[in-house]
Amino acid sequence: MQRKPKETSVNLSVNLGGMAMENPVTVASGTFGAGMEYHDFVDVAALGAVTTKGVSLNGWEGNASPRIAETASGMLNSIGLQNPGVTHLKDIELPWLAEIGATAMVNVSGHSFDEYVAVIEALEEAPVAAYEVNISCPNVDAGGMTMGCHVPSVEKVVSLCRAATKRPLIVKLTPNVTDITEIARSVEDAGADAVSLINTLLGMAIDPYKRKPILARGVGGLSGPAVKPVALRMVWEVYKALDIPVLGMGGITCGLDAIEFMLAGASAVAVGTANFMNPQAALEVVSGIEAYCIEEGVNDVTELIGALNC
């Protein structure tokens, strides 16, 4: 197991919308479970926070297989937010995270406005540091349209979640929109404490011999290094447009990738697809950030936030 990074003179602590983090690195929802499967390989509690897989009120089966496809410099997934439901998270995984001393951020999913609220209400007595609200879910109240693509839906779901908790509320934005700053502003106006971005880009892979899509659903979410330039651009745009912090993600595999996101305006970063290739990727990113700060004479990692020269 890779242990916690050695003590350093560099202050790596950050505050993400009210959630204190010992270092600016978490994991992207859906790439790390709740950390239990990774704990034989990495000191899960040494992360700035552990972001759980998306949880719904009751269990979701997810989409039909095949639902994973490798692509150039990335991967497509059409898992469909499969999860066992909030009771399992509350009874099994969150107590384990608390026992090992990890900071837990729960990714909240729902098929309706009421479901988001019900999940948060079910977790209010659980050891949760913050909620990450996934507004990329299809809204059955609006004919299956993705909530995060429509300002009125975004405003409603964030407002309802805000009313349900006083804990830090971080809203995860979809990149599959014309103007992400418009959505981000509506999230801030509705009471979010921070935003996280980007979620996956909608993509497709085709088997030319079968002349059929590789994924059973036809399309899926693209992640990995291929999306990093898009993610950086969107983080930079949102940072300039908002007064609340940004959690940046999209193709981060090393410390310098994370530094790029912080320079673009991210207060913290999330490592996602890289976890599938290397279970120690997230802690290696922490070490890489520290090494950069030492090399560049940066005493406090927050000095990097939005320090892009342009």
C-alpha atoms as a PDB file:
ATOM      1  CA  MET A   1       0.000   0.000   0.000  1.00  0.00           C
ATOM      2  CA  GLN A   2       1.196   3.513  -0.785  1.00  0.00           C
ATOM      3  CA  ARG A   3       1.078   5.439   2.454  1.00  0.00           C
ATOM      4  CA  LYS A   4       0.274   9.064   3.089  1.00  0.00           C
ATOM      5  CA  PRO A   5       2.732  11.474   1.397  1.00  0.00           C
ATOM      6  CA  LYS A   6       5.579  12.593   3.657  1.00  0.00           C
ATOM      7  CA  GLU A   7       5.190  15.788   5.619  1.00  0.00           C
ATOM      8  CA  THR A   8       6.286  18.819   3.655  1.00  0.00           C
ATOM      9  CA  SER A   9       6.808  22.533   4.114  1.00  0.00           C
ATOM     10  CA  VAL A  10       4.255  23.146   1.340  1.00  0.00           C
ATOM     11  CA  ASN A  11       0.730  23.849   2.596  1.00  0.00           C
ATOM     12  CA  LEU A  12      -1.435  21.574   0.442  1.00  0.00           C
ATOM     13  CA  SER A  13      -4.720  22.178   2.280  1.00  0.00           C
ATOM     14  CA  VAL A  14      -7.652  23.791   0.467  1.00  0.00           C
ATOM     15  CA  ASN A  15     -11.270  24.602   1.200  1.00  0.00           C
ATOM     16  CA  LEU A  16     -13.828  23.565  -1.377  1.00  0.00           C
ATOM     17  CA  GLY A  17     -17.051  25.423  -0.711  1.00  0.00           C
ATOM     18  CA  GLY A  18     -16.855  24.735   3.016  1.00  0.00           C
ATOM     19  CA  MET A  19     -15.327  21.252   2.820  1.00  0.00           C
ATOM     20  CA  ALA A  20     -11.811  21.259   4.307  1.00  0.00           C
ATOM     21  CA  MET A  21      -9.339  19.070   2.411  1.00  0.00           C
ATOM     22  CA  GLU A  22      -5.818  18.212   3.591  1.00  0.00           C
ATOM     23  CA  ASN A  23      -4.728  18.228  -0.039  1.00  0.00           C
ATOM     24  CA  PRO A  24      -6.507  19.303  -3.236  1.00  0.00           C
ATOM     25  CA  VAL A  25      -7.093  15.815  -4.673  1.00  0.00           C
ATOM     26  CA  THR A  26     -10.195  13.650  -4.645  1.00  0.00           C
ATOM     27  CA  VAL A  27     -11.415  10.942  -7.000  1.00  0.00           C
ATOM     28  CA  ALA A  28     -14.092  11.270  -9.654  1.00  0.00           C
ATOM     29  CA  SER A  29     -17.403   9.663  -8.855  1.00  0.00           C
ATOM     30  CA  GLY A  30     -17.858   6.241 -10.384  1.00  0.00           C
ATOM     31  CA  THR A  31     -14.150   5.463 -10.703  1.00  0.00           C
ATOM     32  CA  PHE A  32     -13.344   4.514  -7.109  1.00  0.00           C
ATOM     33  CA  GLY A  33     -16.484   3.025  -5.568  1.00  0.00           C
ATOM     34  CA  ALA A  34     -16.331   4.238  -1.990  1.00  0.00           C
ATOM     35  CA  GLY A  35     -12.683   3.224  -1.757  1.00  0.00           C
ATOM     36  CA  MET A  36     -13.069  -0.214  -0.173  1.00  0.00           C
ATOM     37  CA  GLU A  37     -11.857  -2.083  -3.259  1.00  0.00           C
ATOM     38  CA  TYR A  38      -8.810   0.178  -3.538  1.00  0.00           C
ATOM     39  CA  HIS A  39      -7.717   0.089   0.074  1.00  0.00           C
ATOM     40  CA  ASP A  40      -5.346  -2.872  -0.412  1.00  0.00           C
ATOM     41  CA  PHE A  41      -3.409  -0.744  -2.892  1.00  0.00           C
ATOM     42  CA  VAL A  42      -3.650   2.823  -1.624  1.00  0.00           C
ATOM     43  CA  ASP A  43      -4.173   4.694   1.635  1.00  0.00           C
ATOM     44  CA  VAL A  44      -7.671   5.925   0.887  1.00  0.00           C
ATOM     45  CA  ALA A  45      -7.706   8.239   3.920  1.00  0.00           C
ATOM     46  CA  ALA A  46      -4.676  10.115   2.556  1.00  0.00           C
ATOM     47  CA  LEU A  47      -6.791  11.651  -0.213  1.00  0.00           C
ATOM     48  CA  GLY A  48      -8.165  15.142   0.268  1.00  0.00           C
ATOM     49  CA  ALA A  49     -11.606  13.540   0.002  1.00  0.00           C
ATOM     50  CA  VAL A  50     -13.210  10.366  -1.308  1.00  0.00           C
ATOM     51  CA  THR A  51     -16.069  11.035  -3.714  1.00  0.00           C
ATOM     52  CA  THR A  52     -18.416   8.075  -3.701  1.00  0.00           C
ATOM     53  CA  LYS A  53     -20.056   6.475  -6.679  1.00  0.00           C
ATOM     54  CA  GLY A  54     -23.392   8.105  -7.489  1.00  0.00           C
ATOM     55  CA  VAL A  55     -26.132   6.949  -5.119  1.00  0.00           C
ATOM     56  CA  SER A  56     -29.878   6.926  -5.663  1.00  0.00           C
ATOM     57  CA  LEU A  57     -32.702   6.352  -3.195  1.00  0.00           C
ATOM     58  CA  ASN A  58     -33.195   2.746  -4.277  1.00  0.00           C
ATOM     59  CA  GLY A  59     -30.815   0.535  -6.225  1.00  0.00           C
ATOM     60  CA  TRP A  60     -30.445   1.025  -9.982  1.00  0.00           C
ATOM     61  CA  GLU A  61     -29.509  -1.883 -12.242  1.00  0.00           C
ATOM     62  CA  GLY A  62     -27.782   0.286 -14.822  1.00  0.00           C
ATOM     63  CA  ASN A  63     -27.680  -0.232 -18.578  1.00  0.00           C
ATOM     64  CA  ALA A  64     -27.353  -3.418 -20.600  1.00  0.00           C
ATOM     65  CA  SER A  65     -23.937  -4.743 -21.681  1.00  0.00           C
ATOM     66  CA  PRO A  66     -21.678  -4.063 -23.414  1.00  0.00           C
ATOM     67  CA  ARG A  67     -21.324  -0.764 -21.599  1.00  0.00           C
ATOM     68  CA  ILE A  68     -17.564  -0.123 -21.678  1.00  0.00           C
ATOM     69  CA  ALA A  69     -15.444   0.600 -24.750  1.00  0.00           C
ATOM     70  CA  GLU A  70     -11.809   1.658 -24.971  1.00  0.00           C
ATOM     71  CA  THR A  71     -11.076   4.592 -27.265  1.00  0.00           C
ATOM     72  CA  ALA A  72      -7.972   6.504 -28.325  1.00  0.00           C
ATOM     73  CA  SER A  73      -6.608   8.141 -25.141  1.00  0.00           C
ATOM     74  CA  GLY A  74      -9.757   7.398 -23.211  1.00  0.00           C
ATOM     75  CA  MET A  75     -12.804   5.246 -22.718  1.00  0.00           C
ATOM     76  CA  LEU A  76     -16.565   5.288 -23.183  1.00  0.00           C
ATOM     77  CA  ASN A  77     -18.904   4.140 -20.448  1.00  0.00           C
ATOM     78  CA  SER A  78     -22.617   3.573 -20.392  1.00  0.00           C
ATOM     79  CA  ILE A  79     -22.884   2.074 -16.912  1.00  0.00           C
ATOM     80  CA  GLY A  80     -26.089   3.938 -16.190  1.00  0.00           C
ATOM     81  CA  LEU A  81     -25.327   4.910 -12.583  1.00  0.00           C
ATOM     82  CA  GLN A  82     -25.700   1.355 -11.293  1.00  0.00           C
ATOM     83  CA  ASN A  83     -25.671   1.354  -7.490  1.00  0.00           C
ATOM     84  CA  PRO A  84     -27.195  -0.593  -4.586  1.00  0.00           C
ATOM     85  CA  GLY A  85     -29.045   2.401  -3.115  1.00  0.00           C
ATOM     86  CA  VAL A  86     -28.587   4.849  -0.282  1.00  0.00           C
ATOM     87  CA  THR A  87     -29.212   2.386   2.560  1.00  0.00           C
ATOM     88  CA  HIS A  88     -26.185   0.296   1.577  1.00  0.00           C
ATOM     89  CA  LEU A  89     -23.999   3.401   1.388  1.00  0.00           C
ATOM     90  CA  LYS A  90     -25.248   4.638   4.742  1.00  0.00           C
ATOM     91  CA  ASP A  91     -24.956   1.311   6.578  1.00  0.00           C
ATOM     92  CA  ILE A  92     -21.773  -0.151   5.058  1.00  0.00           C
ATOM     93  CA  GLU A  93     -19.550   2.252   3.140  1.00  0.00           C
ATOM     94  CA  LEU A  94     -19.835   5.561   4.976  1.00  0.00           C
ATOM     95  CA  PRO A  95     -19.127   3.992   8.414  1.00  0.00           C
ATOM     96  CA  TRP A  96     -16.043   2.321   6.915  1.00  0.00           C
ATOM     97  CA  LEU A  97     -14.790   5.628   5.480  1.00  0.00           C
ATOM     98  CA  ALA A  98     -15.319   7.285   8.866  1.00  0.00           C
ATOM     99  CA  GLU A  99     -13.482   4.450  10.630  1.00  0.00           C
ATOM    100  CA  ILE A 100     -10.342   4.876   8.497  1.00  0.00           C
ATOM    101  CA  GLY A 101     -10.435   8.667   8.877  1.00  0.00           C
ATOM    102  CA  ALA A 102     -11.374   9.561   5.300  1.00  0.00           C
ATOM    103  CA  THR A 103     -13.303  12.671   4.275  1.00  0.00           C
ATOM    104  CA  ALA A 104     -16.424  11.542   2.411  1.00  0.00           C
ATOM    105  CA  MET A 105     -18.210  13.456  -0.325  1.00  0.00           C
ATOM    106  CA  VAL A 106     -21.340  11.684  -1.552  1.00  0.00           C
ATOM    107  CA  ASN A 107     -22.360  11.936  -5.195  1.00  0.00           C
ATOM    108  CA  VAL A 108     -26.157  12.260  -5.231  1.00  0.00           C
ATOM    109  CA  SER A 109     -28.184  11.033  -8.208  1.00  0.00           C
ATOM    110  CA  GLY A 110     -31.888  10.950  -8.939  1.00  0.00           C
ATOM    111  CA  HIS A 111     -34.496  10.358 -11.614  1.00  0.00           C
ATOM    112  CA  SER A 112     -36.713  13.099 -10.220  1.00  0.00           C
ATOM    113  CA  PHE A 113     -36.445  16.256  -8.137  1.00  0.00           C
ATOM    114  CA  ASP A 114     -37.944  14.470  -5.139  1.00  0.00           C
ATOM    115  CA  GLU A 115     -35.410  11.640  -5.330  1.00  0.00           C
ATOM    116  CA  TYR A 116     -32.450  14.014  -4.996  1.00  0.00           C
ATOM    117  CA  VAL A 117     -33.989  15.493  -1.857  1.00  0.00           C
ATOM    118  CA  ALA A 118     -34.846  12.071  -0.445  1.00  0.00           C
ATOM    119  CA  VAL A 119     -31.247  10.860  -0.839  1.00  0.00           C
ATOM    120  CA  ILE A 120     -29.876  13.912   0.969  1.00  0.00           C
ATOM    121  CA  GLU A 121     -32.443  13.615   3.745  1.00  0.00           C
ATOM    122  CA  ALA A 122     -31.505   9.950   4.200  1.00  0.00           C
ATOM    123  CA  LEU A 123     -27.854  10.924   4.716  1.00  0.00           C
ATOM    124  CA  GLU A 124     -28.182  13.941   6.989  1.00  0.00           C
ATOM    125  CA  GLU A 125     -27.210  11.941  10.096  1.00  0.00           C
ATOM    126  CA  ALA A 126     -24.432  10.022   8.304  1.00  0.00           C
ATOM    127  CA  PRO A 127     -20.704  10.970   8.334  1.00  0.00           C
ATOM    128  CA  VAL A 128     -20.730  13.049   5.152  1.00  0.00           C
ATOM    129  CA  ALA A 129     -18.547  16.125   4.614  1.00  0.00           C
ATOM    130  CA  ALA A 130     -20.265  17.361   1.451  1.00  0.00           C
ATOM    131  CA  TYR A 131     -22.696  16.419  -1.295  1.00  0.00           C
ATOM    132  CA  GLU A 132     -21.842  16.412  -4.989  1.00  0.00           C
ATOM    133  CA  VAL A 133     -25.123  16.695  -6.895  1.00  0.00           C
ATOM    134  CA  ASN A 134     -24.991  14.972 -10.275  1.00  0.00           C
ATOM    135  CA  ILE A 135     -27.317  16.954 -12.531  1.00  0.00           C
ATOM    136  CA  SER A 136     -26.425  14.855 -15.581  1.00  0.00           C
ATOM    137  CA  CYS A 137     -29.206  12.401 -14.718  1.00  0.00           C
ATOM    138  CA  PRO A 138     -32.274  12.041 -16.968  1.00  0.00           C
ATOM    139  CA  ASN A 139     -35.266  13.794 -15.431  1.00  0.00           C
ATOM    140  CA  VAL A 140     -38.371  11.610 -15.632  1.00  0.00           C
ATOM    141  CA  ASP A 141     -40.417  14.644 -14.578  1.00  0.00           C
ATOM    142  CA  ALA A 142     -39.439  16.274 -17.881  1.00  0.00           C
ATOM    143  CA  GLY A 143     -39.678  13.364 -20.301  1.00  0.00           C
ATOM    144  CA  GLY A 144     -36.158  12.051 -19.657  1.00  0.00           C
ATOM    145  CA  MET A 145     -34.304  15.239 -20.580  1.00  0.00           C
ATOM    146  CA  THR A 146     -30.960  15.620 -18.833  1.00  0.00           C
ATOM    147  CA  MET A 147     -31.485  17.968 -15.881  1.00  0.00           C
ATOM    148  CA  GLY A 148     -28.171  19.740 -16.271  1.00  0.00           C
ATOM    149  CA  CYS A 149     -28.914  20.957 -19.795  1.00  0.00           C
ATOM    150  CA  HIS A 150     -31.916  23.107 -18.902  1.00  0.00           C
ATOM    151  CA  VAL A 151     -31.635  26.190 -16.673  1.00  0.00           C
ATOM    152  CA  PRO A 152     -35.109  25.928 -15.043  1.00  0.00           C
ATOM    153  CA  SER A 153     -34.471  22.265 -14.138  1.00  0.00           C
ATOM    154  CA  VAL A 154     -31.019  23.126 -12.781  1.00  0.00           C
ATOM    155  CA  GLU A 155     -32.375  25.953 -10.671  1.00  0.00           C
ATOM    156  CA  LYS A 156     -35.143  23.772  -9.264  1.00  0.00           C
ATOM    157  CA  VAL A 157     -33.065  20.738  -8.332  1.00  0.00           C
ATOM    158  CA  VAL A 158     -30.265  22.817  -6.791  1.00  0.00           C
ATOM    159  CA  SER A 159     -32.722  24.964  -4.844  1.00  0.00           C
ATOM    160  CA  LEU A 160     -34.468  21.885  -3.463  1.00  0.00           C
ATOM    161  CA  CYS A 161     -31.162  20.296  -2.469  1.00  0.00           C
ATOM    162  CA  ARG A 162     -30.020  23.549  -0.892  1.00  0.00           C
ATOM    163  CA  ALA A 163     -33.162  23.664   1.239  1.00  0.00           C
ATOM    164  CA  ALA A 164     -32.585  20.059   2.356  1.00  0.00           C
ATOM    165  CA  THR A 165     -29.107  20.531   3.860  1.00  0.00           C
ATOM    166  CA  LYS A 166     -26.708  23.002   5.408  1.00  0.00           C
ATOM    167  CA  ARG A 167     -23.721  20.893   4.387  1.00  0.00           C
ATOM    168  CA  PRO A 168     -21.496  22.008   1.500  1.00  0.00           C
ATOM    169  CA  LEU A 169     -23.330  21.509  -1.790  1.00  0.00           C
ATOM    170  CA  ILE A 170     -21.190  20.964  -4.879  1.00  0.00           C
ATOM    171  CA  VAL A 171     -22.971  20.637  -8.218  1.00  0.00           C
ATOM    172  CA  LYS A 172     -21.446  18.563 -11.009  1.00  0.00           C
ATOM    173  CA  LEU A 173     -21.895  20.117 -14.442  1.00  0.00           C
ATOM    174  CA  THR A 174     -22.352  18.359 -17.754  1.00  0.00           C
ATOM    175  CA  PRO A 175     -20.167  19.594 -20.637  1.00  0.00           C
ATOM    176  CA  ASN A 176     -22.854  18.637 -23.153  1.00  0.00           C
ATOM    177  CA  VAL A 177     -24.324  22.135 -23.347  1.00  0.00           C
ATOM    178  CA  THR A 178     -23.911  25.158 -25.598  1.00  0.00           C
ATOM    179  CA  ASP A 179     -22.717  27.523 -22.852  1.00  0.00           C
ATOM    180  CA  ILE A 180     -21.522  25.948 -19.611  1.00  0.00           C
ATOM    181  CA  THR A 181     -21.191  29.341 -17.902  1.00  0.00           C
ATOM    182  CA  GLU A 182     -24.949  29.903 -18.230  1.00  0.00           C
ATOM    183  CA  ILE A 183     -25.634  26.663 -16.382  1.00  0.00           C
ATOM    184  CA  ALA A 184     -22.902  27.409 -13.846  1.00  0.00           C
ATOM    185  CA  ARG A 185     -24.358  30.844 -13.044  1.00  0.00           C
ATOM    186  CA  SER A 186     -27.787  29.313 -12.450  1.00  0.00           C
ATOM    187  CA  VAL A 187     -26.211  26.787 -10.067  1.00  0.00           C
ATOM    188  CA  GLU A 188     -24.503  29.560  -8.103  1.00  0.00           C
ATOM    189  CA  ASP A 189     -27.690  31.632  -7.993  1.00  0.00           C
ATOM    190  CA  ALA A 190     -29.622  28.625  -6.658  1.00  0.00           C
ATOM    191  CA  GLY A 191     -27.321  28.353  -3.656  1.00  0.00           C
ATOM    192  CA  ALA A 192     -24.522  25.924  -4.522  1.00  0.00           C
ATOM    193  CA  ASP A 193     -21.281  26.290  -2.564  1.00  0.00           C
ATOM    194  CA  ALA A 194     -19.081  25.044  -5.436  1.00  0.00           C
ATOM    195  CA  VAL A 195     -19.247  23.421  -8.858  1.00  0.00           C
ATOM    196  CA  SER A 196     -17.425  20.397 -10.240  1.00  0.00           C
ATOM    197  CA  LEU A 197     -16.637  19.844 -13.911  1.00  0.00           C
ATOM    198  CA  ILE A 198     -16.492  18.251 -16.311  1.00  0.00           C
ATOM    199  CA  ASN A 199     -18.668  15.192 -16.379  1.00  0.00           C
ATOM    200  CA  THR A 200     -18.193  12.947 -19.409  1.00  0.00           C
ATOM    201  CA  LEU A 201     -18.616  14.092 -23.008  1.00  0.00           C
ATOM    202  CA  LEU A 202     -21.233  12.246 -25.033  1.00  0.00           C
ATOM    203  CA  GLY A 203     -19.506   9.955 -27.517  1.00  0.00           C
ATOM    204  CA  MET A 204     -19.850   6.850 -29.646  1.00  0.00           C
ATOM    205  CA  ALA A 205     -17.788   3.900 -30.902  1.00  0.00           C
ATOM    206  CA  ILE A 206     -18.673   1.685 -33.882  1.00  0.00           C
ATOM    207  CA  ASP A 207     -17.644  -1.827 -34.875  1.00  0.00           C
ATOM    208  CA  PRO A 208     -17.058  -1.448 -38.637  1.00  0.00           C
ATOM    209  CA  TYR A 209     -17.356  -5.192 -39.269  1.00  0.00           C
ATOM    210  CA  LYS A 210     -20.649  -5.639 -37.467  1.00  0.00           C
ATOM    211  CA  ARG A 211     -21.735  -2.153 -38.572  1.00  0.00           C
ATOM    212  CA  LYS A 212     -23.174  -1.630 -35.128  1.00  0.00           C
ATOM    213  CA  PRO A 213     -22.389   0.582 -32.124  1.00  0.00           C
ATOM    214  CA  ILE A 214     -20.041  -1.108 -29.653  1.00  0.00           C
ATOM    215  CA  LEU A 215     -22.121   0.012 -26.670  1.00  0.00           C
ATOM    216  CA  ALA A 216     -25.539  -1.588 -26.255  1.00  0.00           C
ATOM    217  CA  ARG A 217     -27.090   1.822 -25.697  1.00  0.00           C
ATOM    218  CA  GLY A 218     -25.316   3.251 -28.744  1.00  0.00           C
ATOM    219  CA  VAL A 219     -23.699   6.187 -26.980  1.00  0.00           C
ATOM    220  CA  GLY A 220     -21.801   6.709 -23.734  1.00  0.00           C
ATOM    221  CA  GLY A 221     -19.674   9.114 -21.734  1.00  0.00           C
ATOM    222  CA  LEU A 222     -16.137   9.813 -22.948  1.00  0.00           C
ATOM    223  CA  SER A 223     -13.461  10.270 -20.293  1.00  0.00           C
ATOM    224  CA  GLY A 224      -9.691  10.057 -19.981  1.00  0.00           C
ATOM    225  CA  PRO A 225      -6.813  12.148 -21.386  1.00  0.00           C
ATOM    226  CA  ALA A 226      -8.703  12.786 -24.633  1.00  0.00           C
ATOM    227  CA  VAL A 227     -11.115  15.162 -22.861  1.00  0.00           C
ATOM    228  CA  LYS A 228      -8.515  17.171 -20.927  1.00  0.00           C
ATOM    229  CA  PRO A 229      -8.245  20.166 -23.316  1.00  0.00           C
ATOM    230  CA  VAL A 230     -12.035  20.566 -23.290  1.00  0.00           C
ATOM    231  CA  ALA A 231     -12.148  20.227 -19.513  1.00  0.00           C
ATOM    232  CA  LEU A 232      -9.414  22.824 -19.007  1.00  0.00           C
ATOM    233  CA  ARG A 233     -11.204  25.312 -21.246  1.00  0.00           C
ATOM    234  CA  MET A 234     -14.491  24.847 -19.415  1.00  0.00           C
ATOM    235  CA  VAL A 235     -12.890  25.112 -15.952  1.00  0.00           C
ATOM    236  CA  TRP A 236     -11.212  28.338 -17.050  1.00  0.00           C
ATOM    237  CA  GLU A 237     -14.484  29.779 -18.393  1.00  0.00           C
ATOM    238  CA  VAL A 238     -16.462  28.844 -15.285  1.00  0.00           C
ATOM    239  CA  TYR A 239     -13.777  30.125 -12.907  1.00  0.00           C
ATOM    240  CA  LYS A 240     -13.930  33.530 -14.565  1.00  0.00           C
ATOM    241  CA  ALA A 241     -17.745  33.590 -14.473  1.00  0.00           C
ATOM    242  CA  LEU A 242     -18.380  32.553 -10.843  1.00  0.00           C
ATOM    243  CA  ASP A 243     -17.520  33.600  -7.299  1.00  0.00           C
ATOM    244  CA  ILE A 244     -17.723  30.065  -5.871  1.00  0.00           C
ATOM    245  CA  PRO A 245     -14.908  27.476  -6.047  1.00  0.00           C
ATOM    246  CA  VAL A 246     -14.395  24.957  -8.840  1.00  0.00           C
ATOM    247  CA  LEU A 247     -13.496  21.268  -8.562  1.00  0.00           C
ATOM    248  CA  GLY A 248     -11.764  20.443 -11.842  1.00  0.00           C
ATOM    249  CA  MET A 249     -11.576  17.064 -13.547  1.00  0.00           C
ATOM    250  CA  GLY A 250     -11.203  15.482 -16.955  1.00  0.00           C
ATOM    251  CA  GLY A 251      -8.193  13.457 -18.063  1.00  0.00           C
ATOM    252  CA  ILE A 252      -5.906  14.048 -15.069  1.00  0.00           C
ATOM    253  CA  THR A 253      -3.192  11.382 -14.856  1.00  0.00           C
ATOM    254  CA  CYS A 254      -0.272  13.157 -13.130  1.00  0.00           C
ATOM    255  CA  GLY A 255       0.654  16.077 -10.922  1.00  0.00           C
ATOM    256  CA  LEU A 256       1.326  18.464 -13.799  1.00  0.00           C
ATOM    257  CA  ASP A 257      -2.143  17.779 -15.217  1.00  0.00           C
ATOM    258  CA  ALA A 258      -3.571  18.801 -11.855  1.00  0.00           C
ATOM    259  CA  ILE A 259      -1.417  21.936 -11.799  1.00  0.00           C
ATOM    260  CA  GLU A 260      -2.850  22.938 -15.184  1.00  0.00           C
ATOM    261  CA  PHE A 261      -6.376  22.681 -13.776  1.00  0.00           C
ATOM    262  CA  MET A 262      -5.472  24.752 -10.721  1.00  0.00           C
ATOM    263  CA  LEU A 263      -3.854  27.435 -12.860  1.00  0.00           C
ATOM    264  CA  ALA A 264      -7.068  27.501 -14.919  1.00  0.00           C
ATOM    265  CA  GLY A 265      -9.020  28.178 -11.730  1.00  0.00           C
ATOM    266  CA  ALA A 266      -9.724  24.899  -9.954  1.00  0.00           C
ATOM    267  CA  SER A 267      -9.424  24.970  -6.156  1.00  0.00           C
ATOM    268  CA  ALA A 268      -9.176  21.164  -6.138  1.00  0.00           C
ATOM    269  CA  VAL A 269      -9.082  18.348  -8.684  1.00  0.00           C
ATOM    270  CA  ALA A 270     -10.525  14.870  -9.136  1.00  0.00           C
ATOM    271  CA  VAL A 271      -8.732  11.890 -10.657  1.00  0.00           C
ATOM    272  CA  GLY A 272     -11.039   9.560 -12.567  1.00  0.00           C
ATOM    273  CA  THR A 273     -10.232   7.214 -15.438  1.00  0.00           C
ATOM    274  CA  ALA A 274      -6.563   7.040 -14.376  1.00  0.00           C
ATOM    275  CA  ASN A 275      -7.686   5.000 -11.344  1.00  0.00           C
ATOM    276  CA  PHE A 276      -8.580   2.128 -13.670  1.00  0.00           C
ATOM    277  CA  MET A 277      -5.044   2.067 -15.078  1.00  0.00           C
ATOM    278  CA  ASN A 278      -3.222   2.706 -11.815  1.00  0.00           C
ATOM    279  CA  PRO A 279      -4.914   2.339  -8.415  1.00  0.00           C
ATOM    280  CA  GLN A 280      -2.302   4.653  -6.883  1.00  0.00           C
ATOM    281  CA  ALA A 281      -2.867   7.409  -9.463  1.00  0.00           C
ATOM    282  CA  ALA A 282      -4.637   9.851  -7.137  1.00  0.00           C
ATOM    283  CA  LEU A 283      -1.930   9.792  -4.450  1.00  0.00           C
ATOM    284  CA  GLU A 284       0.736  10.061  -7.143  1.00  0.00           C
ATOM    285  CA  VAL A 285      -1.038  13.234  -8.270  1.00  0.00           C
ATOM    286  CA  VAL A 286      -0.790  14.568  -4.691  1.00  0.00           C
ATOM    287  CA  SER A 287       2.951  13.858  -4.693  1.00  0.00           C
ATOM    288  CA  GLY A 288       3.301  15.462  -8.124  1.00  0.00           C
ATOM    289  CA  ILE A 289       1.594  18.653  -6.968  1.00  0.00           C
ATOM    290  CA  GLU A 290       3.897  18.815  -3.960  1.00  0.00           C
ATOM    291  CA  ALA A 291       6.979  18.271  -6.129  1.00  0.00           C
ATOM    292  CA  TYR A 292       5.943  21.060  -8.488  1.00  0.00           C
ATOM    293  CA  CYS A 293       5.383  23.466  -5.593  1.00  0.00           C
ATOM    294  CA  ILE A 294       8.816  22.713  -4.134  1.00  0.00           C
ATOM    295  CA  GLU A 295      10.478  23.121  -7.534  1.00  0.00           C
ATOM    296  CA  GLU A 296       8.663  26.390  -8.254  1.00  0.00           C
ATOM    297  CA  GLY A 297       9.024  27.869  -4.760  1.00  0.00           C
ATOM    298  CA  VAL A 298       5.286  27.768  -4.033  1.00  0.00           C
ATOM    299  CA  ASN A 299       4.670  27.657  -0.278  1.00  0.00           C
ATOM    300  CA  ASP A 300       0.886  27.381  -0.389  1.00  0.00           C
ATOM    301  CA  VAL A 301      -0.949  25.455  -3.093  1.00  0.00           C
ATOM    302  CA  THR A 302      -3.787  27.997  -3.089  1.00  0.00           C
ATOM    303  CA  GLU A 303      -1.361  30.454  -4.719  1.00  0.00           C
ATOM    304  CA  LEU A 304      -1.846  28.459  -7.920  1.00  0.00           C
ATOM    305  CA  ILE A 305      -5.622  28.847  -8.130  1.00  0.00           C
ATOM    306  CA  GLY A 306      -6.430  30.943 -11.198  1.00  0.00           C
ATOM    307  CA  ALA A 307      -2.785  32.050 -11.569  1.00  0.00           C
ATOM    308  CA  LEU A 308      -2.818  31.574 -15.338  1.00  0.00           C
ATOM    309  CA  ASN A 309      -0.941  34.293 -17.216  1.00  0.00           C
ATOM    310  CA  CYS A 310      -3.199  35.280 -20.077  1.00  0.00           C
END
